[in-house]
């Protein structure tokens, strides 16, 4: 399991940029050197979105900002994502006594986890093998689960002692390190036999990380305080408050006026211009190694995008390079995404979507070949049906507003009539997309583990439905001949060369049928006031607050 939706705006890649106070933007993704900090004090950080819930395995928790602000600081996980030799890779967390061991035994994969005796929950109870078993079975057997990929292979979980869990998978799973790492581990002694969703929905009092949730004021903020039972490096700060500021312009004003001390903003046009011009008293980092991919998502089960020819024609009808240049050119970013594999798993990505460039001749050929003809209004029509659709996007996002405006203009020229509807993140990702109640959408997915698995998004087994309790994030209802088999091979092949080849073959199938259309991978931007110290740096998987316990007031 890997992607979560970035519910409000980010996605792109090519070049990176960093500005530290003024002048031109330079190509640099490393943050300035860490500044020493004092003990104590508090910070306020602007957060672009408010999550719908804090039940991290449920569909309502699909928003990546919930992961950044509450999950990562409080929920322990088996593997962390850290840079190893310049590459983001999984490394065992301090919850573990050592590297988990995976072996093949009679066609089954057996993974042994050893938990550190130091690891405890905030109530002092040890983190145990029972917690791994409880978490695994909640995901495998539950309804309304965000994504079951990997967990659906679990045959059994044995707990020979409190510190040892042995997970047996029915078949090989190349992405086994993502188990208990994307969702983390939940406390069985507090949740087993109870209504997990109700207990966690609006925040929870337990923690297995360096922070605890002190309060969640819906619509306003989330406040974290140190977990005094944490066995690792304890926070330097007394309190951190995430203030929900969905409007980027307002967030920038709050940063410049000192109302907030740090931002992780979407690269909106006004934000890009301000970063280029320089922000006095404010440091910034822009990192191109993004795991965030923005795309036009077609509902393959809804007209007119239930036709491969229409999806392909749409893909030839727009100038993706012009869109990227217009939106991100100010950061030196001009490259179009040609795969749904993001840069953090770029070795597995093909370039098959490069075939889709603006070509109105191809649009005409595909549409007429599919039985469409242009009406007097210049819009394609077939059997009384016009080539018109609604693009659903997210409200209060100027960059996306401009993007859909450009799409409208380009598509009108090609004979498509596009209207726009904005939704709240909660409605879009908890209600509309799981039920398939849309035609096309514009949003981003964020890789939450450095592993090349597109099956969560494109395998037909992951289409949410009554039959699976509306679990899964194949919101686009993607189905294509041979694709499920290739995605299964990516998931189960342990040899890297063969796995890479299967991933690129799957890319080719996705592109051939234009199941959806990648636009860009968004550059990641972190801004902070001079008063903030510590080793600040963007982690493209765990977010910018992955090491929040090391932040502080600069001394």
Protein backbone atom coordinates (compact mmCIF):
# COMPACT_ATOMS: atom_id res chain seq x y z
CA UNK A 1 0.00 0.00 0.00
CA UNK A 2 1.42 3.38 -0.84
CA UNK A 3 -0.51 6.35 -2.14
CA UNK A 4 -2.61 8.85 -0.27
CA UNK A 5 -4.43 11.73 -1.83
CA UNK A 6 -2.98 15.19 -1.50
CA UNK A 7 -6.23 16.98 -1.05
CA UNK A 8 -5.58 20.51 -2.05
CA UNK A 9 -2.66 20.90 -4.27
CA UNK A 10 0.78 19.64 -4.99
CA UNK A 11 2.45 17.60 -7.66
CA UNK A 12 5.39 18.09 -10.08
CA UNK A 13 9.14 17.51 -10.84
CA UNK A 14 12.27 18.09 -12.83
CA UNK A 15 14.45 20.73 -11.27
CA UNK A 16 14.69 21.80 -7.67
CA UNK A 17 15.12 25.23 -6.21
CA UNK A 18 16.06 26.81 -2.93
CA UNK A 19 16.02 30.42 -1.90
CA UNK A 20 17.36 31.67 1.41
CA UNK A 21 16.17 35.21 1.62
CA UNK A 22 16.33 36.92 -1.73
CA UNK A 23 17.32 37.05 -5.36
CA UNK A 24 17.27 34.27 -7.93
CA UNK A 25 16.06 30.78 -7.27
CA UNK A 26 18.89 28.29 -7.46
CA UNK A 27 18.94 24.54 -8.03
CA UNK A 28 19.38 23.20 -4.53
CA UNK A 29 17.29 20.74 -2.55
CA UNK A 30 19.38 20.61 0.62
CA UNK A 31 18.12 22.73 3.51
CA UNK A 32 20.43 25.29 5.18
CA UNK A 33 22.60 23.96 7.99
CA UNK A 34 20.78 23.16 11.22
CA UNK A 35 20.76 25.94 13.79
CA UNK A 36 21.05 25.05 17.50
CA UNK A 37 17.87 25.35 19.54
CA UNK A 38 16.86 26.06 23.10
CA UNK A 39 14.75 23.76 25.25
CA UNK A 40 11.10 24.76 25.51
CA UNK A 41 8.86 27.20 23.72
CA UNK A 42 6.17 26.67 21.11
CA UNK A 43 5.63 27.03 17.37
CA UNK A 44 2.61 27.53 15.13
CA UNK A 45 2.72 25.86 11.70
CA UNK A 46 0.30 26.53 8.86
CA UNK A 47 -1.47 23.44 7.50
CA UNK A 48 -3.12 23.52 4.07
CA UNK A 49 -5.83 21.01 4.83
CA UNK A 50 -7.74 19.60 7.72
CA UNK A 51 -8.14 15.80 7.64
CA UNK A 52 -11.61 14.33 7.77
CA UNK A 53 -10.68 11.86 10.50
CA UNK A 54 -7.74 10.36 12.38
CA UNK A 55 -8.60 6.68 11.90
CA UNK A 56 -5.56 6.11 9.71
CA UNK A 57 -6.63 2.84 8.12
CA UNK A 58 -10.08 4.09 7.09
CA UNK A 59 -11.09 5.76 3.84
CA UNK A 60 -11.89 8.99 5.71
CA UNK A 61 -8.17 9.36 6.49
CA UNK A 62 -7.06 9.55 2.87
CA UNK A 63 -5.80 13.13 3.21
CA UNK A 64 -2.02 13.33 3.36
CA UNK A 65 -2.13 16.28 5.75
CA UNK A 66 -3.57 14.07 8.45
CA UNK A 67 -0.51 11.88 8.03
CA UNK A 68 1.82 14.87 8.30
CA UNK A 69 0.23 16.56 11.30
CA UNK A 70 -0.92 13.67 13.48
CA UNK A 71 -0.07 10.19 12.22
CA UNK A 72 3.70 10.51 11.71
CA UNK A 73 4.27 12.27 15.08
CA UNK A 74 2.20 9.78 17.13
CA UNK A 75 1.95 6.36 15.45
CA UNK A 76 4.98 4.00 15.55
CA UNK A 77 5.96 2.14 12.39
CA UNK A 78 8.27 -0.69 11.43
CA UNK A 79 10.22 1.14 8.74
CA UNK A 80 11.06 4.82 8.44
CA UNK A 81 11.95 6.40 5.12
CA UNK A 82 15.40 7.99 5.23
CA UNK A 83 18.07 8.97 2.74
CA UNK A 84 20.62 6.21 2.22
CA UNK A 85 23.39 6.94 -0.25
CA UNK A 86 21.42 9.86 -1.66
CA UNK A 87 18.30 7.73 -2.24
CA UNK A 88 15.15 7.60 -0.12
CA UNK A 89 14.90 4.09 1.28
CA UNK A 90 13.22 2.14 4.12
CA UNK A 91 15.28 1.69 7.30
CA UNK A 92 14.12 -0.05 10.51
CA UNK A 93 12.61 2.38 13.01
CA UNK A 94 13.66 2.62 16.64
CA UNK A 95 10.57 0.58 17.51
CA UNK A 96 12.39 -2.44 16.14
CA UNK A 97 15.14 -4.49 17.77
CA UNK A 98 16.64 -5.09 14.33
CA UNK A 99 15.88 -5.54 10.64
CA UNK A 100 12.80 -7.74 10.09
CA UNK A 101 13.63 -10.95 8.28
CA UNK A 102 11.65 -12.21 5.28
CA UNK A 103 12.09 -15.71 3.87
CA UNK A 104 10.24 -17.91 1.38
CA UNK A 105 9.00 -21.19 2.84
CA UNK A 106 7.07 -23.56 0.61
CA UNK A 107 5.80 -20.82 -1.67
CA UNK A 108 4.77 -18.62 1.25
CA UNK A 109 6.58 -15.57 2.57
CA UNK A 110 7.30 -15.54 6.28
CA UNK A 111 8.31 -12.25 7.93
CA UNK A 112 9.68 -12.15 11.48
CA UNK A 113 9.50 -8.91 13.46
CA UNK A 114 11.42 -8.32 16.67
CA UNK A 115 10.26 -5.34 18.74
CA UNK A 116 12.65 -3.31 20.88
CA UNK A 117 12.15 -3.75 24.64
CA UNK A 118 12.42 0.04 24.96
CA UNK A 119 9.36 0.69 22.80
CA UNK A 120 6.30 1.62 24.86
CA UNK A 121 2.95 3.36 24.40
CA UNK A 122 2.26 6.66 26.11
CA UNK A 123 0.55 4.80 28.99
CA UNK A 124 3.78 2.88 29.63
CA UNK A 125 2.53 -0.45 28.19
CA UNK A 126 5.06 -2.18 25.88
CA UNK A 127 4.48 -2.09 22.14
CA UNK A 128 4.04 -5.78 21.45
CA UNK A 129 3.46 -8.47 18.88
CA UNK A 130 -0.23 -8.32 19.80
CA UNK A 131 -0.30 -4.79 18.38
CA UNK A 132 1.03 -5.97 15.02
CA UNK A 133 -1.50 -8.80 14.94
CA UNK A 134 -4.39 -6.51 15.85
CA UNK A 135 -3.40 -3.94 13.19
CA UNK A 136 -2.91 -6.56 10.47
CA UNK A 137 -6.29 -8.20 11.03
CA UNK A 138 -8.16 -4.90 11.32
CA UNK A 139 -6.88 -3.99 7.85
CA UNK A 140 -7.20 -7.43 6.26
CA UNK A 141 -10.70 -8.16 7.54
CA UNK A 142 -12.23 -4.70 7.92
CA UNK A 143 -14.68 -2.74 5.78
CA UNK A 144 -14.13 0.87 4.69
CA UNK A 145 -10.34 0.34 4.62
CA UNK A 146 -8.35 2.87 2.60
CA UNK A 147 -6.21 0.21 0.91
CA UNK A 148 -5.61 -3.46 1.73
CA UNK A 149 -2.71 -4.03 -0.67
CA UNK A 150 -0.27 -6.47 0.93
CA UNK A 151 -2.48 -7.10 3.95
CA UNK A 152 -4.87 -9.05 1.74
CA UNK A 153 -2.08 -11.64 1.36
CA UNK A 154 -1.80 -12.32 5.10
CA UNK A 155 -2.62 -15.93 5.96
CA UNK A 156 -1.89 -15.70 9.67
CA UNK A 157 -0.03 -13.74 12.34
CA UNK A 158 1.69 -15.72 15.08
CA UNK A 159 2.88 -14.16 18.35
CA UNK A 160 5.31 -16.64 19.93
CA UNK A 161 6.24 -14.05 22.55
CA UNK A 162 5.38 -10.44 23.36
CA UNK A 163 8.32 -9.08 21.38
CA UNK A 164 8.05 -11.36 18.33
CA UNK A 165 5.47 -11.38 15.55
CA UNK A 166 5.62 -13.82 12.65
CA UNK A 167 3.50 -12.86 9.65
CA UNK A 168 2.84 -15.50 6.99
CA UNK A 169 1.80 -14.29 3.55
CA UNK A 170 0.03 -16.64 1.16
CA UNK A 171 2.46 -15.60 -1.61
CA UNK A 172 5.52 -13.46 -2.10
CA UNK A 173 5.02 -9.72 -1.67
CA UNK A 174 7.92 -7.60 -2.88
CA UNK A 175 6.60 -4.57 -1.02
CA UNK A 176 6.45 -6.32 2.35
CA UNK A 177 8.41 -3.51 4.04
CA UNK A 178 5.38 -1.26 3.62
CA UNK A 179 3.40 -3.48 6.01
CA UNK A 180 3.07 -1.69 9.39
CA UNK A 181 5.02 1.22 7.89
CA UNK A 182 2.44 3.20 5.92
CA UNK A 183 -0.38 2.68 8.42
CA UNK A 184 1.94 2.05 11.35
CA UNK A 185 0.97 0.00 14.41
CA UNK A 186 -2.09 0.47 16.63
CA UNK A 187 -2.43 -0.44 20.35
CA UNK A 188 -4.37 -3.66 20.78
CA UNK A 189 -4.74 -3.24 24.55
CA UNK A 190 -6.68 -0.01 24.00
CA UNK A 191 -8.65 -0.83 20.85
CA UNK A 192 -9.28 -4.57 20.59
CA UNK A 193 -12.94 -5.45 20.98
CA UNK A 194 -13.93 -1.80 20.77
CA UNK A 195 -15.09 0.55 18.02
CA UNK A 196 -11.74 1.63 16.61
CA UNK A 197 -13.27 4.06 14.13
CA UNK A 198 -15.26 5.87 16.83
CA UNK A 199 -12.31 6.03 19.22
CA UNK A 200 -9.86 7.42 16.65
CA UNK A 201 -12.09 9.48 14.38
CA UNK A 202 -11.72 12.83 16.14
CA UNK A 203 -8.25 12.27 17.54
CA UNK A 204 -6.95 9.92 20.22
CA UNK A 205 -5.05 10.17 23.50
CA UNK A 206 -2.53 7.34 22.96
CA UNK A 207 0.83 7.66 21.22
CA UNK A 208 3.83 5.54 20.31
CA UNK A 209 5.76 8.46 18.85
CA UNK A 210 7.52 11.53 20.24
CA UNK A 211 4.29 13.58 20.35
CA UNK A 212 0.73 13.25 21.63
CA UNK A 213 -2.42 14.92 20.33
CA UNK A 214 -3.41 17.44 23.00
CA UNK A 215 -6.45 18.76 21.15
CA UNK A 216 -8.14 18.94 17.76
CA UNK A 217 -10.31 22.00 17.37
CA UNK A 218 -12.29 21.13 14.26
CA UNK A 219 -12.00 23.83 11.62
CA UNK A 220 -9.21 25.61 13.50
CA UNK A 221 -6.15 23.66 14.63
CA UNK A 222 -4.46 20.55 15.99
CA UNK A 223 -2.08 20.87 18.93
CA UNK A 224 0.69 18.40 19.80
CA UNK A 225 2.58 18.09 23.09
CA UNK A 226 5.56 15.85 23.96
CA UNK A 227 5.02 12.19 24.84
CA UNK A 228 7.02 11.85 28.06
CA UNK A 229 7.08 8.05 27.70
CA UNK A 230 8.79 8.15 24.30
CA UNK A 231 12.02 6.15 24.40
CA UNK A 232 13.85 8.01 21.62
CA UNK A 233 14.82 11.65 21.20
CA UNK A 234 12.23 13.71 23.03
CA UNK A 235 10.87 16.97 21.58
CA UNK A 236 12.70 20.22 22.29
CA UNK A 237 9.48 22.23 22.12
CA UNK A 238 6.70 22.31 24.71
CA UNK A 239 3.96 22.55 22.12
CA UNK A 240 3.33 22.67 18.36
CA UNK A 241 0.06 23.91 16.90
CA UNK A 242 -0.96 23.23 13.30
CA UNK A 243 -3.29 26.02 12.22
CA UNK A 244 -5.55 25.16 9.27
CA UNK A 245 -4.99 27.75 6.53
CA UNK A 246 -6.34 26.40 3.22
CA UNK A 247 -5.89 29.70 1.37
CA UNK A 248 -2.24 29.98 0.27
CA UNK A 249 -2.29 33.79 0.04
CA UNK A 250 -3.63 34.08 3.57
CA UNK A 251 -1.08 31.55 4.78
CA UNK A 252 1.77 33.59 3.28
CA UNK A 253 0.48 36.72 4.97
CA UNK A 254 0.33 34.82 8.26
CA UNK A 255 3.95 33.70 7.81
CA UNK A 256 5.19 37.17 6.93
CA UNK A 257 3.33 38.75 9.84
CA UNK A 258 4.61 36.17 12.31
CA UNK A 259 1.24 34.56 13.03
CA UNK A 260 2.69 31.24 11.89
CA UNK A 261 6.31 30.15 12.01
CA UNK A 262 6.46 27.66 9.12
CA UNK A 263 4.52 26.59 6.02
CA UNK A 264 4.53 23.65 3.63
CA UNK A 265 2.56 25.38 0.87
CA UNK A 266 1.34 24.24 -2.49
CA UNK A 267 3.43 25.90 -5.19
CA UNK A 268 0.77 28.44 -6.13
CA UNK A 269 1.67 31.18 -8.59
CA UNK A 270 1.78 33.90 -5.96
CA UNK A 271 3.87 31.65 -3.71
CA UNK A 272 6.34 30.99 -6.51
CA UNK A 273 6.65 34.69 -7.25
CA UNK A 274 7.25 35.52 -3.60
CA UNK A 275 9.86 32.80 -3.22
CA UNK A 276 11.67 34.08 -6.31
CA UNK A 277 11.60 37.64 -5.04
CA UNK A 278 12.86 36.59 -1.64
CA UNK A 279 11.11 36.66 1.72
CA UNK A 280 13.02 38.69 4.33
CA UNK A 281 13.57 36.79 7.54
CA UNK A 282 12.30 33.56 6.02
CA UNK A 283 14.26 30.50 4.92
CA UNK A 284 13.04 28.18 2.19
CA UNK A 285 13.71 24.82 0.63
CA UNK A 286 12.29 23.48 -2.63
CA UNK A 287 12.88 19.78 -3.23
CA UNK A 288 12.40 18.11 -6.63
CA UNK A 289 12.48 14.52 -5.30
CA UNK A 290 8.75 14.50 -5.01
CA UNK A 291 6.46 11.57 -4.36
CA UNK A 292 3.45 13.70 -5.30
CA UNK A 293 1.91 13.19 -8.72
CA UNK A 294 -0.83 15.37 -10.13
CA UNK A 295 -3.05 14.01 -12.86
CA UNK A 296 -6.34 14.24 -14.67
CA UNK A 297 -8.23 11.21 -13.39
CA UNK A 298 -10.85 9.69 -15.72
CA UNK A 299 -13.73 7.66 -14.35
CA UNK A 300 -13.37 4.74 -16.76
CA UNK A 301 -16.89 3.55 -15.88
CA UNK A 302 -18.66 6.85 -16.63
CA UNK A 303 -19.48 8.45 -19.97
CA UNK A 304 -17.77 9.79 -21.96
CA UNK A 305 -14.59 8.33 -20.45
CA UNK A 306 -15.83 4.77 -20.56
CA UNK A 307 -14.44 4.88 -24.11
CA UNK A 308 -10.68 4.39 -24.51
CA UNK A 309 -10.82 6.42 -27.72
CA UNK A 310 -12.28 9.41 -25.87
CA UNK A 311 -9.64 9.16 -23.14
CA UNK A 312 -6.91 9.00 -25.77
CA UNK A 313 -8.42 11.92 -27.70
CA UNK A 314 -8.55 14.00 -24.52
CA UNK A 315 -4.86 13.21 -23.96
CA UNK A 316 -3.99 14.48 -27.43
CA UNK A 317 -6.23 17.54 -27.00
CA UNK A 318 -4.18 19.28 -24.33
CA UNK A 319 -0.68 20.72 -24.27
CA UNK A 320 0.67 19.36 -21.01
CA UNK A 321 4.06 20.99 -21.45
CA UNK A 322 2.47 24.43 -21.84
CA UNK A 323 0.43 23.86 -18.68
CA UNK A 324 3.49 22.84 -16.67
CA UNK A 325 5.48 25.79 -17.99
CA UNK A 326 2.68 28.21 -17.14
CA UNK A 327 2.17 26.87 -13.63
CA UNK A 328 5.71 26.00 -12.54
CA UNK A 329 8.05 27.73 -14.96
CA UNK A 330 8.90 30.26 -12.27
CA UNK A 331 10.64 27.50 -10.33
CA UNK A 332 12.50 26.27 -13.39
CA UNK A 333 10.22 23.25 -13.63
CA UNK A 334 9.25 22.38 -17.18
CA UNK A 335 9.15 18.58 -17.43
CA UNK A 336 5.89 16.71 -17.91
CA UNK A 337 5.29 13.48 -15.97
CA UNK A 338 5.30 10.52 -18.37
CA UNK A 339 4.48 7.82 -15.82
CA UNK A 340 2.36 7.30 -12.74
CA UNK A 341 5.51 6.14 -10.95
CA UNK A 342 6.85 9.22 -9.15
CA UNK A 343 10.53 10.26 -8.97
CA UNK A 344 11.13 8.47 -5.67
CA UNK A 345 10.53 5.19 -7.56
CA UNK A 346 11.70 6.55 -10.89
CA UNK A 347 13.84 3.52 -11.72
CA UNK A 348 10.60 1.60 -12.33
CA UNK A 349 8.98 4.23 -14.54
CA UNK A 350 8.48 4.11 -18.28
CA UNK A 351 8.08 7.04 -20.65
CA UNK A 352 5.02 5.83 -22.54
CA UNK A 353 2.85 8.87 -21.93
CA UNK A 354 5.36 10.92 -23.93
CA UNK A 355 3.34 9.81 -26.99
CA UNK A 356 0.54 12.14 -25.89
CA UNK A 357 1.40 15.59 -27.17
CA UNK A 358 -0.95 18.21 -28.56
CA UNK A 359 -2.21 16.82 -31.88
CA UNK A 360 -5.68 17.88 -33.03
CA UNK A 361 -5.38 15.59 -36.05
CA UNK A 362 -5.17 12.61 -33.71
CA UNK A 363 -8.15 13.94 -31.77
CA UNK A 364 -10.24 14.07 -34.96
CA UNK A 365 -9.12 10.61 -36.06
CA UNK A 366 -9.86 8.98 -32.70
CA UNK A 367 -13.23 10.63 -32.21
CA UNK A 368 -14.53 10.00 -35.72
CA UNK A 369 -13.24 6.43 -35.55
CA UNK A 370 -15.28 5.99 -32.36
CA UNK A 371 -18.44 7.24 -34.09
CA UNK A 372 -18.42 10.87 -32.97
CA UNK A 373 -19.11 13.90 -35.17
CA UNK A 374 -18.89 17.59 -34.41
CA UNK A 375 -22.16 19.43 -34.04
CA UNK A 376 -22.94 22.99 -35.10
CA UNK A 377 -21.58 24.20 -31.76
CA UNK A 378 -18.21 22.58 -32.46
CA UNK A 379 -18.65 19.94 -29.75
CA UNK A 380 -18.37 16.24 -30.52
CA UNK A 381 -21.60 14.26 -30.34
CA UNK A 382 -22.58 10.60 -30.68
CA UNK A 383 -26.03 9.02 -30.51
CA UNK A 384 -27.45 12.15 -28.95
CA UNK A 385 -24.68 12.38 -26.36
CA UNK A 386 -22.36 15.40 -26.39
CA UNK A 387 -18.69 15.14 -25.42
CA UNK A 388 -19.28 17.20 -22.32
CA UNK A 389 -18.25 16.43 -18.79
CA UNK A 390 -17.65 17.96 -15.38
CA UNK A 391 -14.14 18.18 -13.94
CA UNK A 392 -14.26 17.96 -10.16
CA UNK A 393 -11.51 19.77 -8.28
CA UNK A 394 -10.86 21.22 -4.86
CA UNK A 395 -12.07 24.58 -3.65
CA UNK A 396 -9.92 27.56 -2.60
CA UNK A 397 -6.94 26.72 -4.79
CA UNK A 398 -5.85 29.44 -7.20
CA UNK A 399 -3.27 27.28 -8.94
CA UNK A 400 -5.83 24.62 -9.71
CA UNK A 401 -8.31 27.31 -10.75
CA UNK A 402 -5.81 28.45 -13.38
CA UNK A 403 -5.07 24.88 -14.41
CA UNK A 404 -8.73 24.01 -15.04
CA UNK A 405 -9.16 27.29 -16.93
CA UNK A 406 -6.30 26.34 -19.26
CA UNK A 407 -7.76 22.84 -19.68
CA UNK A 408 -11.16 24.28 -20.53
CA UNK A 409 -9.72 26.52 -23.23
CA UNK A 410 -7.59 23.79 -24.81
CA UNK A 411 -10.38 21.22 -24.74
CA UNK A 412 -12.92 23.63 -26.24
CA UNK A 413 -10.63 24.07 -29.23
CA UNK A 414 -10.54 20.28 -29.62
CA UNK A 415 -14.33 19.87 -29.41
CA UNK A 416 -14.89 18.99 -25.73
CA UNK A 417 -17.18 20.91 -23.38
CA UNK A 418 -15.84 20.93 -19.84
CA UNK A 419 -17.50 22.41 -16.78
CA UNK A 420 -15.93 22.62 -13.35
CA UNK A 421 -17.24 21.72 -9.91
CA UNK A 422 -15.30 22.21 -6.69
CA UNK A 423 -15.71 20.03 -3.64
CA UNK A 424 -14.35 19.86 -0.13
CA UNK A 425 -11.68 17.21 0.35
CA UNK A 426 -13.90 15.30 2.77
CA UNK A 427 -16.73 15.03 0.24
CA UNK A 428 -14.48 14.24 -2.70
CA UNK A 429 -12.38 11.48 -1.18
CA UNK A 430 -14.71 10.02 1.41
CA UNK A 431 -17.97 10.05 -0.54
CA UNK A 432 -17.77 10.98 -4.23
CA UNK A 433 -14.77 9.10 -5.61
CA UNK A 434 -15.24 5.84 -3.66
CA UNK A 435 -18.77 5.64 -5.10
CA UNK A 436 -17.59 6.61 -8.61
CA UNK A 437 -19.99 9.56 -8.67
CA UNK A 438 -17.94 11.77 -10.98
CA UNK A 439 -16.69 11.90 -14.58
CA UNK A 440 -13.17 13.36 -14.30
CA UNK A 441 -11.11 14.93 -11.56
CA UNK A 442 -7.95 16.89 -10.87
CA UNK A 443 -6.03 15.89 -7.77
CA UNK A 444 -2.72 14.45 -6.59
CA UNK A 445 -1.61 11.15 -5.15
CA UNK A 446 1.33 11.03 -2.77
CA UNK A 447 3.58 8.00 -2.47
CA UNK A 448 3.79 7.14 1.21
CA UNK A 449 6.50 4.50 0.87
CA UNK A 450 9.48 4.19 -1.50
CA UNK A 451 8.16 1.12 -3.28
CA UNK A 452 6.95 0.78 -6.90
CA UNK A 453 3.37 -0.39 -6.51
CA UNK A 454 0.71 1.01 -8.81
CA UNK A 455 -1.68 -1.79 -7.99
CA UNK A 456 -3.38 0.26 -5.28
CA UNK A 457 -4.55 2.75 -7.89
CA UNK A 458 -4.94 0.63 -11.04
CA UNK A 459 -5.62 -3.00 -10.09
CA UNK A 460 -9.29 -3.79 -10.68
CA UNK A 461 -9.43 -5.68 -7.37
CA UNK A 462 -9.05 -2.32 -5.63
CA UNK A 463 -12.17 -0.72 -7.14
CA UNK A 464 -14.33 0.33 -4.15
CA UNK A 465 -17.68 -1.47 -4.14
CA UNK A 466 -20.40 -2.89 -1.93
CA UNK A 467 -18.68 -6.26 -2.24
CA UNK A 468 -15.45 -5.07 -0.59
CA UNK A 469 -17.00 -2.61 1.84
CA UNK A 470 -15.89 0.29 -0.37
CA UNK A 471 -12.24 -0.35 0.43
CA UNK A 472 -9.53 0.45 -2.10
CA UNK A 473 -8.44 3.52 -4.02
CA UNK A 474 -8.93 2.52 -7.65
CA UNK A 475 -11.34 5.45 -7.80
CA UNK A 476 -11.03 5.61 -11.60
CA UNK A 477 -12.51 2.10 -12.02
CA UNK A 478 -9.52 1.15 -14.18
CA UNK A 479 -9.65 -2.15 -16.07
CA UNK A 480 -7.40 -3.09 -18.96
CA UNK A 481 -6.48 -6.37 -20.61
CA UNK A 482 -3.38 -7.85 -19.00
CA UNK A 483 -2.88 -5.01 -16.51
CA UNK A 484 -3.88 -6.83 -13.34
CA UNK A 485 -1.43 -9.63 -14.13
CA UNK A 486 1.43 -7.21 -14.67
CA UNK A 487 0.64 -5.31 -11.49
CA UNK A 488 0.50 -8.59 -9.61
CA UNK A 489 3.93 -9.42 -11.00
CA UNK A 490 5.25 -6.08 -9.76
CA UNK A 491 3.85 -6.89 -6.32
CA UNK A 492 5.17 -10.47 -6.14
CA UNK A 493 8.46 -10.50 -8.05
CA UNK A 494 11.40 -10.34 -5.67
CA UNK A 495 14.10 -9.99 -8.34
CA UNK A 496 14.60 -6.30 -9.11
CA UNK A 497 15.30 -6.57 -12.88
CA UNK A 498 12.18 -8.67 -13.53
CA UNK A 499 10.12 -6.44 -11.27
CA UNK A 500 11.36 -3.35 -13.09
CA UNK A 501 10.47 -4.85 -16.46
CA UNK A 502 6.95 -5.74 -15.26
CA UNK A 503 6.48 -2.21 -13.90
CA UNK A 504 7.45 -0.68 -17.24
CA UNK A 505 5.14 -3.08 -19.11
CA UNK A 506 2.30 -2.05 -16.79
CA UNK A 507 3.14 1.60 -17.51
CA UNK A 508 2.81 0.88 -21.22
CA UNK A 509 -0.67 -0.66 -20.77
CA UNK A 510 -1.86 2.25 -18.63
CA UNK A 511 -0.62 4.71 -21.28
CA UNK A 512 -1.99 2.76 -24.25
CA UNK A 513 -5.54 2.87 -22.90
CA UNK A 514 -5.03 6.33 -21.33
CA UNK A 515 -6.64 5.10 -18.12
CA UNK A 516 -5.83 8.55 -16.73
CA UNK A 517 -3.33 11.25 -17.67
CA UNK A 518 -0.32 12.27 -15.55
CA UNK A 519 0.50 15.96 -15.62
CA UNK A 520 3.41 16.62 -13.31
CA UNK A 521 5.16 15.75 -10.08
CA UNK A 522 4.91 18.73 -7.77
CA UNK A 523 8.02 20.37 -6.27
CA UNK A 524 7.87 20.37 -2.48
CA UNK A 525 8.23 23.72 -0.69
CA UNK A 526 9.08 24.32 2.97
CA UNK A 527 9.26 27.83 4.43
CA UNK A 528 10.18 28.81 7.98
CA UNK A 529 10.93 31.96 9.97
CA UNK A 530 14.41 32.73 11.25
CA UNK A 531 13.26 32.00 14.81
CA UNK A 532 12.91 28.30 13.94
CA UNK A 533 15.98 26.15 14.44
CA UNK A 534 16.96 22.53 14.11
CA UNK A 535 17.65 20.21 11.15
CA UNK A 536 14.73 21.23 8.94
CA UNK A 537 14.44 19.28 5.69
CA UNK A 538 11.71 17.84 3.51
CA UNK A 539 11.10 14.11 3.58
CA UNK A 540 9.08 13.43 0.40
CA UNK A 541 7.41 10.37 1.95
CA UNK A 542 6.83 11.32 5.59
CA UNK A 543 6.52 15.05 4.95
CA UNK A 544 8.35 18.09 6.30
CA UNK A 545 7.55 17.39 9.96
CA UNK A 546 9.09 13.92 10.05
CA UNK A 547 11.69 15.07 12.61
CA UNK A 548 9.58 17.66 14.43
CA UNK A 549 11.00 16.54 17.76
CA UNK A 550 14.32 18.10 16.68
CA UNK A 551 12.80 21.48 15.82
CA UNK A 552 12.96 24.32 18.31
CA UNK A 553 13.44 28.00 18.92
CA UNK A 554 16.80 29.02 17.45
CA UNK A 555 19.31 29.97 20.14
